[in-house]
C-alpha atoms as a PDB file:
ATOM      1  CA  UNK A   1       5.019 -45.131 -54.361  1.00  0.00           C
ATOM      2  CA  UNK A   2       2.157 -43.497 -52.470  1.00  0.00           C
ATOM      3  CA  UNK A   3       1.664 -44.736 -48.917  1.00  0.00           C
ATOM      4  CA  UNK A   4      -1.434 -43.621 -47.043  1.00  0.00           C
ATOM      5  CA  UNK A   5      -0.942 -42.238 -43.492  1.00  0.00           C
ATOM      6  CA  UNK A   6      -2.821 -45.233 -42.044  1.00  0.00           C
ATOM      7  CA  UNK A   7      -0.453 -47.785 -43.645  1.00  0.00           C
ATOM      8  CA  UNK A   8       2.902 -46.204 -42.839  1.00  0.00           C
ATOM      9  CA  UNK A   9       5.318 -48.498 -41.121  1.00  0.00           C
ATOM     10  CA  UNK A  10       7.701 -47.092 -38.564  1.00  0.00           C
ATOM     11  CA  UNK A  11      11.074 -48.824 -38.228  1.00  0.00           C
ATOM     12  CA  UNK A  12      11.774 -50.271 -34.748  1.00  0.00           C
ATOM     13  CA  UNK A  13      13.579 -47.873 -32.362  1.00  0.00           C
ATOM     14  CA  UNK A  14      12.303 -44.682 -34.012  1.00  0.00           C
ATOM     15  CA  UNK A  15       9.890 -42.379 -32.317  1.00  0.00           C
ATOM     16  CA  UNK A  16       6.399 -42.236 -33.582  1.00  0.00           C
ATOM     17  CA  UNK A  17       5.379 -38.686 -34.604  1.00  0.00           C
ATOM     18  CA  UNK A  18       3.149 -36.999 -32.029  1.00  0.00           C
ATOM     19  CA  UNK A  19       0.618 -36.090 -34.683  1.00  0.00           C
ATOM     20  CA  UNK A  20       0.672 -38.448 -37.677  1.00  0.00           C
ATOM     21  CA  UNK A  21      -1.425 -35.943 -39.576  1.00  0.00           C
ATOM     22  CA  UNK A  22       0.225 -32.471 -39.451  1.00  0.00           C
ATOM     23  CA  UNK A  23      -3.197 -30.847 -39.898  1.00  0.00           C
ATOM     24  CA  UNK A  24      -4.332 -32.361 -36.594  1.00  0.00           C
ATOM     25  CA  UNK A  25      -1.441 -30.668 -34.761  1.00  0.00           C
ATOM     26  CA  UNK A  26      -2.292 -27.317 -36.354  1.00  0.00           C
ATOM     27  CA  UNK A  27      -5.969 -27.711 -35.448  1.00  0.00           C
ATOM     28  CA  UNK A  28      -5.058 -28.484 -31.831  1.00  0.00           C
ATOM     29  CA  UNK A  29      -2.764 -25.454 -31.696  1.00  0.00           C
ATOM     30  CA  UNK A  30      -5.465 -23.152 -33.103  1.00  0.00           C
ATOM     31  CA  UNK A  31      -8.098 -24.549 -30.704  1.00  0.00           C
ATOM     32  CA  UNK A  32      -5.782 -24.013 -27.727  1.00  0.00           C
ATOM     33  CA  UNK A  33      -5.010 -20.447 -28.822  1.00  0.00           C
ATOM     34  CA  UNK A  34      -8.707 -19.665 -29.159  1.00  0.00           C
ATOM     35  CA  UNK A  35      -9.490 -21.075 -25.708  1.00  0.00           C
ATOM     36  CA  UNK A  36      -6.678 -19.112 -24.079  1.00  0.00           C
ATOM     37  CA  UNK A  37      -7.588 -15.850 -25.786  1.00  0.00           C
ATOM     38  CA  UNK A  38     -11.234 -16.326 -24.836  1.00  0.00           C
ATOM     39  CA  UNK A  39     -10.407 -16.897 -21.178  1.00  0.00           C
ATOM     40  CA  UNK A  40      -8.110 -13.856 -21.127  1.00  0.00           C
ATOM     41  CA  UNK A  41     -10.738 -11.646 -22.726  1.00  0.00           C
ATOM     42  CA  UNK A  42     -13.478 -12.827 -20.379  1.00  0.00           C
ATOM     43  CA  UNK A  43     -11.374 -11.675 -17.405  1.00  0.00           C
ATOM     44  CA  UNK A  44     -11.274  -8.098 -18.678  1.00  0.00           C
ATOM     45  CA  UNK A  45     -13.795  -5.415 -17.951  1.00  0.00           C
ATOM     46  CA  UNK A  46     -16.676  -5.865 -15.565  1.00  0.00           C
ATOM     47  CA  UNK A  47     -18.383  -3.437 -13.262  1.00  0.00           C
ATOM     48  CA  UNK A  48     -16.865  -2.286  -9.966  1.00  0.00           C
ATOM     49  CA  UNK A  49     -19.555  -4.277  -8.142  1.00  0.00           C
ATOM     50  CA  UNK A  50     -18.273  -7.491  -9.689  1.00  0.00           C
ATOM     51  CA  UNK A  51     -14.667  -6.702  -8.847  1.00  0.00           C
ATOM     52  CA  UNK A  52     -11.945  -4.274  -9.802  1.00  0.00           C
ATOM     53  CA  UNK A  53      -8.453  -5.444 -10.594  1.00  0.00           C
ATOM     54  CA  UNK A  54      -5.618  -2.984 -10.422  1.00  0.00           C
ATOM     55  CA  UNK A  55      -4.094  -2.924 -13.888  1.00  0.00           C
ATOM     56  CA  UNK A  56      -0.619  -1.919 -14.788  1.00  0.00           C
ATOM     57  CA  UNK A  57       2.671  -2.418 -12.995  1.00  0.00           C
ATOM     58  CA  UNK A  58       2.728  -2.796  -9.208  1.00  0.00           C
ATOM     59  CA  UNK A  59       2.944   0.361  -7.120  1.00  0.00           C
ATOM     60  CA  UNK A  60       6.500   0.563  -5.786  1.00  0.00           C
ATOM     61  CA  UNK A  61       6.492   1.511  -2.106  1.00  0.00           C
ATOM     62  CA  UNK A  62       9.104   4.250  -1.731  1.00  0.00           C
ATOM     63  CA  UNK A  63       8.188   5.569   1.699  1.00  0.00           C
ATOM     64  CA  UNK A  64       6.000   4.939   4.703  1.00  0.00           C
ATOM     65  CA  UNK A  65       3.250   5.990   4.980  1.00  0.00           C
ATOM     66  CA  UNK A  66       2.333   6.164   1.316  1.00  0.00           C
ATOM     67  CA  UNK A  67      -1.091   7.008  -0.122  1.00  0.00           C
ATOM     68  CA  UNK A  68      -2.202   4.915  -3.081  1.00  0.00           C
ATOM     69  CA  UNK A  69      -5.424   5.729  -4.989  1.00  0.00           C
ATOM     70  CA  UNK A  70      -7.763   2.781  -5.598  1.00  0.00           C
ATOM     71  CA  UNK A  71     -10.165   3.463  -8.489  1.00  0.00           C
ATOM     72  CA  UNK A  72     -13.869   3.114  -7.627  1.00  0.00           C
ATOM     73  CA  UNK A  73     -13.079   3.031  -3.874  1.00  0.00           C
ATOM     74  CA  UNK A  74     -10.893   5.860  -2.603  1.00  0.00           C
ATOM     75  CA  UNK A  75      -7.410   5.788  -1.100  1.00  0.00           C
ATOM     76  CA  UNK A  76      -5.295   3.279   0.782  1.00  0.00           C
ATOM     77  CA  UNK A  77      -2.632   4.628   3.111  1.00  0.00           C
ATOM     78  CA  UNK A  78       0.046   1.938   3.398  1.00  0.00           C
ATOM     79  CA  UNK A  79       2.365   2.028   6.415  1.00  0.00           C
ATOM     80  CA  UNK A  80       5.252  -0.370   7.012  1.00  0.00           C
ATOM     81  CA  UNK A  81       6.953  -0.655  10.417  1.00  0.00           C
ATOM     82  CA  UNK A  82       9.898  -0.753  10.099  1.00  0.00           C
ATOM     83  CA  UNK A  83      10.605   0.871   6.774  1.00  0.00           C
ATOM     84  CA  UNK A  84      12.488  -0.228   4.723  1.00  0.00           C
ATOM     85  CA  UNK A  85      10.811  -3.545   5.406  1.00  0.00           C
ATOM     86  CA  UNK A  86      12.693  -6.117   7.487  1.00  0.00           C
ATOM     87  CA  UNK A  87      12.216  -9.874   8.097  1.00  0.00           C
ATOM     88  CA  UNK A  88       9.253  -9.147  10.399  1.00  0.00           C
ATOM     89  CA  UNK A  89       7.280  -6.118   9.328  1.00  0.00           C
ATOM     90  CA  UNK A  90       3.872  -4.833  10.361  1.00  0.00           C
ATOM     91  CA  UNK A  91       1.782  -3.485   7.501  1.00  0.00           C
ATOM     92  CA  UNK A  92      -1.128  -1.180   8.250  1.00  0.00           C
ATOM     93  CA  UNK A  93      -3.701  -0.253   5.613  1.00  0.00           C
ATOM     94  CA  UNK A  94      -6.000   2.706   6.260  1.00  0.00           C
ATOM     95  CA  UNK A  95      -8.885   2.877   3.779  1.00  0.00           C
ATOM     96  CA  UNK A  96     -10.924   5.985   3.043  1.00  0.00           C
ATOM     97  CA  UNK A  97     -13.614   6.371   0.389  1.00  0.00           C
ATOM     98  CA  UNK A  98     -13.738   9.131  -2.219  1.00  0.00           C
ATOM     99  CA  UNK A  99     -15.416  11.463   0.285  1.00  0.00           C
ATOM    100  CA  UNK A 100     -12.668  10.880   2.862  1.00  0.00           C
ATOM    101  CA  UNK A 101     -14.772   8.672   5.189  1.00  0.00           C
ATOM    102  CA  UNK A 102     -13.207   5.519   6.696  1.00  0.00           C
ATOM    103  CA  UNK A 103     -14.094   2.295   4.863  1.00  0.00           C
ATOM    104  CA  UNK A 104     -15.458   0.123   7.660  1.00  0.00           C
ATOM    105  CA  UNK A 105     -16.497  -3.517   7.572  1.00  0.00           C
ATOM    106  CA  UNK A 106     -14.142  -4.460   4.758  1.00  0.00           C
ATOM    107  CA  UNK A 107     -12.206  -7.687   4.584  1.00  0.00           C
ATOM    108  CA  UNK A 108      -8.577  -7.056   3.730  1.00  0.00           C
ATOM    109  CA  UNK A 109      -6.183  -9.825   2.753  1.00  0.00           C
ATOM    110  CA  UNK A 110      -2.630  -9.804   1.513  1.00  0.00           C
ATOM    111  CA  UNK A 111      -0.680 -12.387  -0.448  1.00  0.00           C
ATOM    112  CA  UNK A 112       3.032 -11.778  -0.785  1.00  0.00           C
ATOM    113  CA  UNK A 113       5.778 -13.436  -2.780  1.00  0.00           C
ATOM    114  CA  UNK A 114       9.100 -12.881  -4.518  1.00  0.00           C
ATOM    115  CA  UNK A 115       8.364 -12.756  -8.262  1.00  0.00           C
ATOM    116  CA  UNK A 116      11.985 -13.520  -9.118  1.00  0.00           C
ATOM    117  CA  UNK A 117      11.933 -16.822  -7.214  1.00  0.00           C
ATOM    118  CA  UNK A 118       8.407 -18.158  -7.902  1.00  0.00           C
ATOM    119  CA  UNK A 119       8.156 -19.979  -4.570  1.00  0.00           C
ATOM    120  CA  UNK A 120       4.444 -19.293  -4.252  1.00  0.00           C
ATOM    121  CA  UNK A 121       2.629 -16.688  -2.214  1.00  0.00           C
ATOM    122  CA  UNK A 122       2.140 -16.394   1.544  1.00  0.00           C
ATOM    123  CA  UNK A 123      -1.378 -15.372   2.645  1.00  0.00           C
ATOM    124  CA  UNK A 124      -2.097 -12.905   5.455  1.00  0.00           C
ATOM    125  CA  UNK A 125      -5.440 -11.707   6.855  1.00  0.00           C
ATOM    126  CA  UNK A 126      -5.382  -8.087   8.034  1.00  0.00           C
ATOM    127  CA  UNK A 127      -7.272  -7.551  11.293  1.00  0.00           C
ATOM    128  CA  UNK A 128      -9.702  -4.631  11.600  1.00  0.00           C
ATOM    129  CA  UNK A 129      -8.427  -2.318  14.366  1.00  0.00           C
ATOM    130  CA  UNK A 130     -10.772   0.625  14.078  1.00  0.00           C
ATOM    131  CA  UNK A 131     -12.645   2.713  11.533  1.00  0.00           C
ATOM    132  CA  UNK A 132     -10.953   1.903   8.218  1.00  0.00           C
ATOM    133  CA  UNK A 133      -7.723   0.596   9.814  1.00  0.00           C
ATOM    134  CA  UNK A 134      -6.448  -2.937   9.072  1.00  0.00           C
ATOM    135  CA  UNK A 135      -3.158  -4.495  10.218  1.00  0.00           C
ATOM    136  CA  UNK A 136      -1.085  -7.693   9.892  1.00  0.00           C
ATOM    137  CA  UNK A 137       2.451  -8.886  10.535  1.00  0.00           C
ATOM    138  CA  UNK A 138       4.296 -10.070   7.427  1.00  0.00           C
ATOM    139  CA  UNK A 139       7.269 -12.400   7.712  1.00  0.00           C
ATOM    140  CA  UNK A 140       9.759 -12.236   4.851  1.00  0.00           C
ATOM    141  CA  UNK A 141      12.194 -15.140   4.476  1.00  0.00           C
ATOM    142  CA  UNK A 142      14.877 -13.295   2.553  1.00  0.00           C
ATOM    143  CA  UNK A 143      16.029  -9.879   1.434  1.00  0.00           C
ATOM    144  CA  UNK A 144      15.007  -8.571  -1.975  1.00  0.00           C
ATOM    145  CA  UNK A 145      11.975  -7.298  -3.854  1.00  0.00           C
ATOM    146  CA  UNK A 146       8.633  -8.696  -2.691  1.00  0.00           C
ATOM    147  CA  UNK A 147       5.251  -8.263  -4.360  1.00  0.00           C
ATOM    148  CA  UNK A 148       2.289  -7.755  -2.039  1.00  0.00           C
ATOM    149  CA  UNK A 149      -1.199  -8.135  -3.513  1.00  0.00           C
ATOM    150  CA  UNK A 150      -3.934  -6.655  -1.332  1.00  0.00           C
ATOM    151  CA  UNK A 151      -7.525  -7.799  -1.839  1.00  0.00           C
ATOM    152  CA  UNK A 152     -10.234  -5.605  -0.322  1.00  0.00           C
ATOM    153  CA  UNK A 153     -13.814  -6.870  -0.071  1.00  0.00           C
ATOM    154  CA  UNK A 154     -16.713  -4.662   0.918  1.00  0.00           C
ATOM    155  CA  UNK A 155     -20.103  -6.319   0.479  1.00  0.00           C
ATOM    156  CA  UNK A 156     -20.226  -7.579  -3.101  1.00  0.00           C
ATOM    157  CA  UNK A 157     -17.406  -5.227  -4.163  1.00  0.00           C
ATOM    158  CA  UNK A 158     -13.867  -6.466  -4.600  1.00  0.00           C
ATOM    159  CA  UNK A 159     -10.778  -4.344  -5.163  1.00  0.00           C
ATOM    160  CA  UNK A 160      -7.182  -5.417  -5.745  1.00  0.00           C
ATOM    161  CA  UNK A 161      -3.978  -3.491  -5.327  1.00  0.00           C
ATOM    162  CA  UNK A 162      -0.531  -4.766  -6.365  1.00  0.00           C
ATOM    163  CA  UNK A 163       2.495  -3.313  -4.601  1.00  0.00           C
ATOM    164  CA  UNK A 164       6.225  -3.957  -4.476  1.00  0.00           C
ATOM    165  CA  UNK A 165       8.418  -3.412  -1.453  1.00  0.00           C
ATOM    166  CA  UNK A 166      12.146  -3.857  -0.941  1.00  0.00           C
ATOM    167  CA  UNK A 167      13.035  -5.987   2.097  1.00  0.00           C
ATOM    168  CA  UNK A 168      16.411  -5.531   3.777  1.00  0.00           C
ATOM    169  CA  UNK A 169      17.978  -7.682   6.440  1.00  0.00           C
ATOM    170  CA  UNK A 170      20.200  -6.027   9.033  1.00  0.00           C
ATOM    171  CA  UNK A 171      23.920  -6.284   8.429  1.00  0.00           C
ATOM    172  CA  UNK A 172      25.779  -8.414  10.976  1.00  0.00           C
ATOM    173  CA  UNK A 173      26.938  -6.345  13.926  1.00  0.00           C
ATOM    174  CA  UNK A 174      30.656  -5.610  14.322  1.00  0.00           C
ATOM    175  CA  UNK A 175      30.717  -7.164  17.804  1.00  0.00           C
ATOM    176  CA  UNK A 176      29.906 -10.669  16.576  1.00  0.00           C
ATOM    177  CA  UNK A 177      32.825 -12.857  15.444  1.00  0.00           C
ATOM    178  CA  UNK A 178      33.313 -13.193  11.715  1.00  0.00           C
ATOM    179  CA  UNK A 179      32.129 -16.428  10.178  1.00  0.00           C
ATOM    180  CA  UNK A 180      34.780 -19.092  10.536  1.00  0.00           C
ATOM    181  CA  UNK A 181      36.729 -17.319  13.284  1.00  0.00           C
ATOM    182  CA  UNK A 182      36.928 -18.410  16.904  1.00  0.00           C
ATOM    183  CA  UNK A 183      36.310 -16.295  19.994  1.00  0.00           C
ATOM    184  CA  UNK A 184      39.497 -15.116  21.780  1.00  0.00           C
ATOM    185  CA  UNK A 185      39.121 -17.486  24.737  1.00  0.00           C
ATOM    186  CA  UNK A 186      39.281 -20.519  22.393  1.00  0.00           C
ATOM    187  CA  UNK A 187      42.432 -19.535  20.481  1.00  0.00           C
ATOM    188  CA  UNK A 188      44.945 -19.832  23.353  1.00  0.00           C
END
């Protein structure tokens, strides 16, 4: 007996199929894939004036200061105080163009997060201190690997730099009582 898709009866208590017509589900899947691939492709390329995104893995900060080349701009010297980074760390970015001149009048922002935890990013605006020098205090909530994305704007130009830094918290000092123990004056 041939039953058309429109006249199928579904017994009570059974779930109705999401797509009664399997072709509809396939068409939706193909349309979604095309939209996603189109949006990904449209984000690629572009001229430096429209924005440059740092491609590839993040630059791992292994020392301070550390010079990092930024294509189409010049170099960023990244300094962390203290290094290795601690719960409160000052980051200083010194920008020079390809001719070695300070990059003045830029807007520099940072957004930092822990990729392993996906808690969201924390924004920070770096203040201009002098010719090509920008600084901000970053406050890390826990030890581990943090990703810091720097966005540099100069006029209509936009540059991005992805970095990774390891944050360490100080070990408890030997003079403090161990967790769960009582000070001497309370044990007698």
